[in-house]
Protein backbone atom coordinates (compact mmCIF):
# COMPACT_ATOMS: atom_id res chain seq x y z
CA UNK A 1 16.99 -32.55 19.00
CA UNK A 2 13.39 -32.33 19.31
CA UNK A 3 12.58 -31.47 15.41
CA UNK A 4 10.40 -28.58 16.38
CA UNK A 5 10.01 -25.93 13.60
CA UNK A 6 9.09 -22.18 14.37
CA UNK A 7 5.59 -21.04 14.87
CA UNK A 8 3.60 -21.24 11.40
CA UNK A 9 6.23 -23.59 9.75
CA UNK A 10 5.08 -27.22 8.98
CA UNK A 11 6.60 -30.33 7.13
CA UNK A 12 4.42 -32.04 4.68
CA UNK A 13 4.91 -35.65 5.09
CA UNK A 14 3.96 -38.65 2.75
CA UNK A 15 1.56 -39.06 1.03
CA UNK A 16 0.68 -35.40 1.70
CA UNK A 17 3.76 -34.29 -0.17
CA UNK A 18 3.13 -36.39 -3.13
CA UNK A 19 -0.55 -34.87 -3.18
CA UNK A 20 0.78 -31.08 -3.16
CA UNK A 21 3.19 -32.01 -6.01
CA UNK A 22 0.05 -33.85 -7.99
CA UNK A 23 -1.93 -30.50 -7.50
CA UNK A 24 0.50 -28.32 -8.89
CA UNK A 25 1.11 -30.49 -11.51
CA UNK A 26 -2.47 -30.69 -12.54
CA UNK A 27 -2.88 -27.05 -11.98
CA UNK A 28 0.15 -25.93 -14.10
CA UNK A 29 -0.82 -28.37 -17.02
CA UNK A 30 -4.01 -26.47 -17.27
CA UNK A 31 -2.19 -23.14 -17.64
CA UNK A 32 0.24 -24.54 -19.77
CA UNK A 33 -2.43 -25.53 -22.29
CA UNK A 34 -3.58 -22.36 -22.13
CA UNK A 35 0.08 -20.89 -23.28
CA UNK A 36 1.04 -20.29 -19.82
CA UNK A 37 4.86 -20.80 -19.70
CA UNK A 38 6.67 -21.46 -16.25
CA UNK A 39 9.09 -19.12 -14.81
CA UNK A 40 10.79 -20.08 -11.42
CA UNK A 41 11.83 -17.03 -9.31
CA UNK A 42 14.57 -17.26 -6.25
CA UNK A 43 13.30 -17.02 -3.07
CA UNK A 44 14.76 -13.98 -2.04
CA UNK A 45 16.10 -10.64 -3.84
CA UNK A 46 16.37 -6.97 -3.30
CA UNK A 47 13.78 -5.53 -1.27
CA UNK A 48 13.78 -2.31 -3.07
CA UNK A 49 13.22 -4.09 -6.47
CA UNK A 50 10.47 -6.30 -4.83
CA UNK A 51 8.77 -3.46 -3.47
CA UNK A 52 8.47 -1.25 -5.99
CA UNK A 53 7.56 -3.00 -8.82
CA UNK A 54 3.74 -2.85 -8.27
CA UNK A 55 1.97 0.47 -8.30
CA UNK A 56 -0.29 0.38 -5.53
CA UNK A 57 1.71 -0.81 -2.95
CA UNK A 58 4.97 -2.25 -2.40
CA UNK A 59 5.24 -5.65 -0.47
CA UNK A 60 3.96 -6.49 2.94
CA UNK A 61 4.62 -8.81 5.26
CA UNK A 62 7.97 -9.80 4.11
CA UNK A 63 10.80 -11.05 6.00
CA UNK A 64 13.98 -8.83 5.37
CA UNK A 65 17.58 -9.52 6.31
CA UNK A 66 21.24 -7.86 4.82
CA UNK A 67 22.57 -9.89 2.32
CA UNK A 68 26.27 -10.52 3.68
CA UNK A 69 27.78 -10.30 0.13
CA UNK A 70 26.30 -7.37 -1.52
CA UNK A 71 25.54 -5.26 1.94
CA UNK A 72 22.08 -4.79 0.91
CA UNK A 73 18.88 -5.43 2.16
CA UNK A 74 16.96 -8.64 0.89
CA UNK A 75 13.56 -9.91 1.12
CA UNK A 76 11.92 -13.12 1.39
CA UNK A 77 8.89 -13.53 -1.02
CA UNK A 78 5.34 -13.04 1.00
CA UNK A 79 4.14 -13.72 -2.55
CA UNK A 80 5.09 -13.97 -6.14
CA UNK A 81 2.99 -11.86 -8.00
CA UNK A 82 5.55 -9.17 -7.64
CA UNK A 83 8.51 -11.36 -8.80
CA UNK A 84 6.83 -12.38 -11.96
CA UNK A 85 6.05 -9.25 -12.86
CA UNK A 86 9.97 -7.84 -12.17
CA UNK A 87 10.54 -10.77 -14.73
CA UNK A 88 8.27 -10.10 -17.32
CA UNK A 89 9.23 -6.02 -17.07
CA UNK A 90 12.88 -6.92 -17.12
CA UNK A 91 14.08 -10.06 -18.31
CA UNK A 92 11.18 -10.39 -20.71
CA UNK A 93 10.68 -6.89 -21.03
CA UNK A 94 10.96 -7.72 -25.31
CA UNK A 95 8.69 -10.31 -25.20
CA UNK A 96 5.53 -9.57 -27.40
CA UNK A 97 2.58 -8.72 -25.38
CA UNK A 98 0.52 -10.19 -23.89
CA UNK A 99 2.86 -12.36 -21.78
CA UNK A 100 1.31 -15.49 -20.09
CA UNK A 101 3.75 -16.65 -17.19
CA UNK A 102 2.65 -19.41 -14.44
CA UNK A 103 4.67 -20.16 -11.43
CA UNK A 104 4.70 -22.43 -8.52
CA UNK A 105 6.63 -21.71 -5.02
CA UNK A 106 6.99 -21.09 -1.46
CA UNK A 107 6.20 -18.10 0.16
CA UNK A 108 7.02 -16.92 3.52
CA UNK A 109 5.40 -14.13 5.95
CA UNK A 110 6.97 -12.36 8.36
CA UNK A 111 3.89 -12.77 10.48
CA UNK A 112 1.07 -14.55 10.22
CA UNK A 113 -3.15 -13.46 10.63
CA UNK A 114 -5.64 -14.54 13.22
CA UNK A 115 -7.55 -16.80 10.58
CA UNK A 116 -4.55 -18.66 9.27
CA UNK A 117 -1.78 -19.47 11.65
CA UNK A 118 0.95 -20.54 8.64
CA UNK A 119 3.68 -18.15 7.71
CA UNK A 120 5.17 -20.57 5.11
CA UNK A 121 3.18 -21.73 2.57
CA UNK A 122 2.93 -23.03 -1.17
CA UNK A 123 1.57 -20.39 -3.82
CA UNK A 124 0.73 -21.22 -7.51
CA UNK A 125 -1.14 -19.36 -10.31
CA UNK A 126 -0.72 -17.52 -13.34
CA UNK A 127 -0.41 -13.67 -14.94
CA UNK A 128 -1.47 -12.24 -17.77
CA UNK A 129 0.66 -9.38 -18.43
CA UNK A 130 0.24 -6.64 -20.94
CA UNK A 131 -3.56 -6.71 -20.45
CA UNK A 132 -6.36 -5.92 -18.47
CA UNK A 133 -9.66 -5.76 -20.51
CA UNK A 134 -12.37 -7.80 -20.11
CA UNK A 135 -11.33 -10.90 -22.40
CA UNK A 136 -8.09 -11.01 -20.58
CA UNK A 137 -9.75 -11.24 -17.12
CA UNK A 138 -12.36 -13.90 -18.53
CA UNK A 139 -9.55 -16.09 -19.65
CA UNK A 140 -7.66 -15.54 -16.30
CA UNK A 141 -10.83 -16.72 -14.50
CA UNK A 142 -11.42 -19.75 -16.75
CA UNK A 143 -7.95 -20.77 -16.31
CA UNK A 144 -8.23 -21.18 -12.44
CA UNK A 145 -11.88 -22.39 -12.65
CA UNK A 146 -10.58 -25.25 -15.05
CA UNK A 147 -7.03 -25.90 -13.02
CA UNK A 148 -9.06 -26.46 -9.86
CA UNK A 149 -11.57 -28.87 -11.29
CA UNK A 150 -8.78 -30.71 -12.62
CA UNK A 151 -6.94 -30.74 -9.64
CA UNK A 152 -10.45 -32.43 -8.15
CA UNK A 153 -11.70 -29.28 -6.38
CA UNK A 154 -15.81 -29.02 -6.13
CA UNK A 155 -17.97 -26.87 -5.08
CA UNK A 156 -16.15 -23.65 -6.47
CA UNK A 157 -16.90 -20.29 -5.58
CA UNK A 158 -16.05 -16.92 -6.95
CA UNK A 159 -16.45 -13.37 -5.16
CA UNK A 160 -16.09 -10.71 -7.34
CA UNK A 161 -14.90 -6.90 -6.01
CA UNK A 162 -14.00 -3.67 -7.41
CA UNK A 163 -11.23 -2.57 -5.38
CA UNK A 164 -10.85 1.12 -6.55
CA UNK A 165 -14.56 1.55 -6.49
CA UNK A 166 -14.60 4.42 -3.80
CA UNK A 167 -11.96 6.11 -5.36
CA UNK A 168 -14.09 6.30 -8.45
CA UNK A 169 -17.00 7.33 -7.09
CA UNK A 170 -15.83 9.79 -4.28
CA UNK A 171 -13.24 11.34 -6.26
CA UNK A 172 -14.10 14.35 -5.07
CA UNK A 173 -13.34 14.03 -1.44
CA UNK A 174 -10.05 14.99 0.17
CA UNK A 175 -7.55 12.14 0.31
CA UNK A 176 -7.81 11.97 4.39
CA UNK A 177 -11.67 11.62 3.90
CA UNK A 178 -11.35 9.29 1.18
CA UNK A 179 -9.39 6.76 3.15
CA UNK A 180 -11.89 7.20 6.07
CA UNK A 181 -14.84 6.12 3.74
CA UNK A 182 -12.57 2.99 2.22
CA UNK A 183 -12.16 1.99 6.01
CA UNK A 184 -15.35 2.29 6.85
CA UNK A 185 -16.66 0.66 3.41
CA UNK A 186 -14.14 -2.26 4.36
CA UNK A 187 -15.78 -2.31 7.77
CA UNK A 188 -19.46 -2.41 6.31
CA UNK A 189 -20.04 0.20 9.16
CA UNK A 190 -23.08 1.80 7.62
CA UNK A 191 -23.38 4.08 10.70
CA UNK A 192 -19.46 5.55 9.81
CA UNK A 193 -20.51 5.69 6.28
CA UNK A 194 -23.58 7.71 6.86
CA UNK A 195 -21.40 10.17 8.77
CA UNK A 196 -19.13 11.07 6.12
CA UNK A 197 -21.85 10.51 3.16
CA UNK A 198 -25.00 8.80 3.28
CA UNK A 199 -24.81 8.44 -0.69
CA UNK A 200 -22.59 5.41 -0.27
CA UNK A 201 -24.62 3.36 1.81
CA UNK A 202 -26.51 1.90 -0.83
CA UNK A 203 -22.82 0.15 -1.80
CA UNK A 204 -22.40 -1.76 1.96
CA UNK A 205 -26.34 -3.07 0.85
CA UNK A 206 -25.26 -4.12 -2.97
CA UNK A 207 -23.90 -7.09 -2.06
CA UNK A 208 -24.74 -10.66 -2.23
CA UNK A 209 -25.69 -13.18 -5.05
CA UNK A 210 -24.12 -11.83 -8.22
CA UNK A 211 -27.26 -11.37 -10.40
CA UNK A 212 -29.01 -9.30 -7.65
CA UNK A 213 -26.31 -7.55 -6.33
CA UNK A 214 -25.19 -6.19 -9.79
CA UNK A 215 -28.84 -5.06 -10.32
CA UNK A 216 -28.58 -3.06 -7.21
CA UNK A 217 -25.21 -1.73 -8.05
CA UNK A 218 -26.57 -0.40 -11.12
CA UNK A 219 -29.67 0.75 -9.84
CA UNK A 220 -27.08 3.41 -7.26
CA UNK A 221 -25.00 4.33 -10.35
CA UNK A 222 -26.74 6.86 -11.73
CA UNK A 223 -23.95 9.09 -13.35
CA UNK A 224 -23.11 5.98 -15.29
CA UNK A 225 -19.59 6.29 -13.59
CA UNK A 226 -19.54 2.90 -13.40
CA UNK A 227 -21.43 1.55 -16.37
CA UNK A 228 -18.65 0.29 -18.63
CA UNK A 229 -16.98 -2.08 -15.92
CA UNK A 230 -20.25 -3.26 -14.81
CA UNK A 231 -20.78 -4.26 -17.98
CA UNK A 232 -17.37 -6.07 -18.07
CA UNK A 233 -18.14 -7.88 -14.85
CA UNK A 234 -21.34 -8.97 -16.00
CA UNK A 235 -19.38 -10.30 -19.13
CA UNK A 236 -16.86 -12.30 -17.28
CA UNK A 237 -19.45 -13.73 -14.77
CA UNK A 238 -21.74 -14.59 -17.94
CA UNK A 239 -18.56 -16.82 -18.96
CA UNK A 240 -18.30 -19.08 -16.26
CA UNK A 241 -21.68 -19.25 -15.18
CA UNK A 242 -22.81 -22.74 -14.43
CA UNK A 243 -18.99 -23.54 -13.45
CA UNK A 244 -19.08 -21.70 -10.06
CA UNK A 245 -21.05 -20.11 -7.46
CA UNK A 246 -20.69 -16.35 -7.87
CA UNK A 247 -21.05 -13.36 -5.39
CA UNK A 248 -20.33 -9.64 -5.43
CA UNK A 249 -19.32 -7.52 -2.75
CA UNK A 250 -18.46 -4.33 -4.34
CA UNK A 251 -16.47 -2.69 -1.57
CA UNK A 252 -14.10 -5.29 -0.50
CA UNK A 253 -10.47 -4.41 -0.18
CA UNK A 254 -8.90 -6.48 1.71
CA UNK A 255 -6.56 -8.62 0.33
CA UNK A 256 -6.28 -6.54 -2.60
CA UNK A 257 -4.35 -3.84 -1.94
CA UNK A 258 -2.61 -3.75 -5.41
CA UNK A 259 -5.67 -4.34 -7.77
CA UNK A 260 -7.25 -1.85 -10.08
CA UNK A 261 -10.43 -2.24 -11.79
CA UNK A 262 -11.17 -6.17 -10.50
CA UNK A 263 -10.67 -8.30 -7.86
CA UNK A 264 -11.90 -11.94 -7.17
CA UNK A 265 -11.51 -14.30 -4.34
CA UNK A 266 -11.83 -18.08 -4.61
CA UNK A 267 -13.56 -20.51 -2.18
CA UNK A 268 -14.42 -24.18 -2.30
CA UNK A 269 -16.80 -26.33 -0.37
CA UNK A 270 -15.25 -27.50 2.76
CA UNK A 271 -12.76 -24.83 2.92
CA UNK A 272 -12.91 -22.48 5.65
CA UNK A 273 -11.42 -19.03 3.90
CA UNK A 274 -10.10 -18.59 0.46
CA UNK A 275 -8.30 -20.84 -1.54
CA UNK A 276 -7.13 -17.96 -4.01
CA UNK A 277 -7.20 -14.45 -5.18
CA UNK A 278 -6.85 -12.72 -8.48
CA UNK A 279 -7.73 -9.39 -10.37
CA UNK A 280 -6.09 -6.49 -12.41
CA UNK A 281 -2.90 -4.72 -11.20
CA UNK A 282 -0.49 -2.50 -12.98
CA UNK A 283 3.37 -3.24 -13.13
CA UNK A 284 5.98 -0.44 -13.03
CA UNK A 285 8.93 -0.72 -15.45
CA UNK A 286 12.06 0.74 -14.21
CA UNK A 287 11.86 4.21 -16.79
CA UNK A 288 8.65 4.76 -14.98
CA UNK A 289 6.26 3.35 -17.69
CA UNK A 290 3.23 1.31 -16.28
CA UNK A 291 1.74 -1.87 -17.83
CA UNK A 292 -1.71 -3.28 -17.36
CA UNK A 293 -1.95 -7.07 -15.93
CA UNK A 294 -4.08 -9.63 -14.85
CA UNK A 295 -3.87 -13.13 -12.62
CA UNK A 296 -4.44 -15.01 -10.03
CA UNK A 297 -2.85 -16.93 -7.20
CA UNK A 298 -3.99 -20.65 -5.37
CA UNK A 299 -2.91 -21.34 -1.85
CA UNK A 300 -2.23 -24.93 -1.99
CA UNK A 301 -1.91 -25.46 1.46
CA UNK A 302 -6.04 -25.06 2.54
CA UNK A 303 -6.65 -26.99 -0.32
CA UNK A 304 -4.48 -30.18 0.50
CA UNK A 305 -5.64 -29.66 4.17
CA UNK A 306 -9.14 -29.93 3.34
CA UNK A 307 -8.52 -33.36 1.27
CA UNK A 308 -10.03 -31.41 -1.91
CA UNK A 309 -6.93 -32.75 -4.02
CA UNK A 310 -5.87 -36.30 -2.44
CA UNK A 311 -2.96 -38.07 -4.17
CA UNK A 312 -3.77 -41.71 -5.25
CA UNK A 313 -1.38 -44.11 -3.31
CA UNK A 314 -0.79 -46.89 -5.30
CA UNK A 315 2.11 -48.76 -4.51
CA UNK A 316 3.12 -52.22 -6.02
CA UNK A 317 5.16 -54.41 -3.66
CA UNK A 318 7.81 -56.31 -5.60
CA UNK A 319 8.54 -59.53 -3.69
CA UNK A 320 12.48 -60.62 -2.76
CA UNK A 321 14.00 -61.90 -5.96
CA UNK A 322 11.34 -60.24 -8.72
CA UNK A 323 13.63 -59.64 -11.68
CA UNK A 324 14.75 -56.16 -12.76
CA UNK A 325 13.61 -56.12 -16.31
CA UNK A 326 9.93 -57.18 -14.75
CA UNK A 327 9.66 -54.39 -12.25
CA UNK A 328 11.18 -52.28 -15.38
CA UNK A 329 7.89 -53.37 -17.42
CA UNK A 330 5.72 -52.67 -14.45
CA UNK A 331 6.98 -49.26 -13.81
CA UNK A 332 6.56 -48.32 -17.40
CA UNK A 333 3.02 -49.05 -17.28
CA UNK A 334 2.46 -46.55 -14.46
CA UNK A 335 2.86 -48.42 -11.52
CA UNK A 336 4.67 -47.22 -8.44
CA UNK A 337 6.86 -50.17 -7.44
CA UNK A 338 8.57 -51.43 -4.21
CA UNK A 339 11.42 -53.81 -4.03
CA UNK A 340 11.70 -56.27 -1.26
CA UNK A 341 15.33 -55.76 -0.33
CA UNK A 342 15.14 -59.14 1.91
CA UNK A 343 13.39 -62.11 1.96
CA UNK A 344 11.34 -61.35 4.97
CA UNK A 345 10.42 -58.05 3.76
CA UNK A 346 6.28 -57.82 3.28
CA UNK A 347 3.67 -55.68 1.44
CA UNK A 348 2.00 -54.35 4.41
CA UNK A 349 5.80 -53.17 6.07
CA UNK A 350 6.07 -51.15 2.92
CA UNK A 351 2.78 -49.11 3.00
CA UNK A 352 1.71 -51.23 -0.46
CA UNK A 353 -1.67 -51.50 -1.56
CA UNK A 354 -0.82 -54.31 -4.56
CA UNK A 355 1.52 -56.81 -4.56
CA UNK A 356 3.05 -59.10 -7.49
CA UNK A 357 1.79 -62.29 -8.17
CA UNK A 358 2.17 -65.11 -10.62
CA UNK A 359 -0.64 -63.69 -12.42
CA UNK A 360 0.19 -60.07 -12.08
CA UNK A 361 -0.39 -57.37 -9.72
CA UNK A 362 -3.27 -57.78 -7.49
CA UNK A 363 -4.55 -55.47 -4.72
CA UNK A 364 -4.23 -56.21 -1.00
């Protein structure tokens, strides 16, 4: 037996696994203080249910298989948001709105991306269901930043986007041309955009540091088609001023397939790629009713791999023969104790940072 794992899967060993648990505890602890109660959906569920819960797109990149009991196709979740939406729309459909839910769990993707080879990872976050207003978005972005700060993450940056911008401004285009315009805006293909309609070229240029970018975006909004959402976006940015570096890329849609008027990516200094993503979206109920929501998801693995949320490894060695009540007293004080099981056991062998002496714990 080699202990090899499938491509894209990995073990997380001590103390990294403890650091992961600590990261989740700190993030969810901040969420709880804002009223977000935790839910814990199953790893797999019926594929058709999972794929139909979010309005703007089904669940992509999911591992699917046939359930030997029901003979129906199941999907292992590649993302937790749709499951939280299902819970809010069904099991908690009677709950007064908005309903605030948090979560943490493993997700599995069918295939990895070129930039991220991992297929199995940890996802945690919050969803505010029943509202997608500016006030709701301000709360969600604040919770995300405070949760990361509580977890020890520094150098936080937020990149805002308007996922349905092209749909709003180019509603007069036929569906095929609109889809092509979206693709070329995504690729920042100025020549391709100009070939469709040069009016949309300024959208590519309206990207960069937030204050300058939103001014450029307002300048091209001659018909005030975006005035209200730009005002809202400015209010969101003002609410977190000084807490994170802010940028704006109004046409970015990669990774925002189901978001509506607002999307944002979260970055941190020292980490390649994003550590989180969020925005507004729409949940579909079984009767066809649509419900607005806003939330964020954090990706634990890049945060942990970059050492941005380290776990403190403080282990107190209890020499052989230490009375049980002495160990209990130390644990009540918050010490992690490791008792010697044999007389020749040593603190070094047990990876301890402290040892219990006659005058109490002392550092090694």
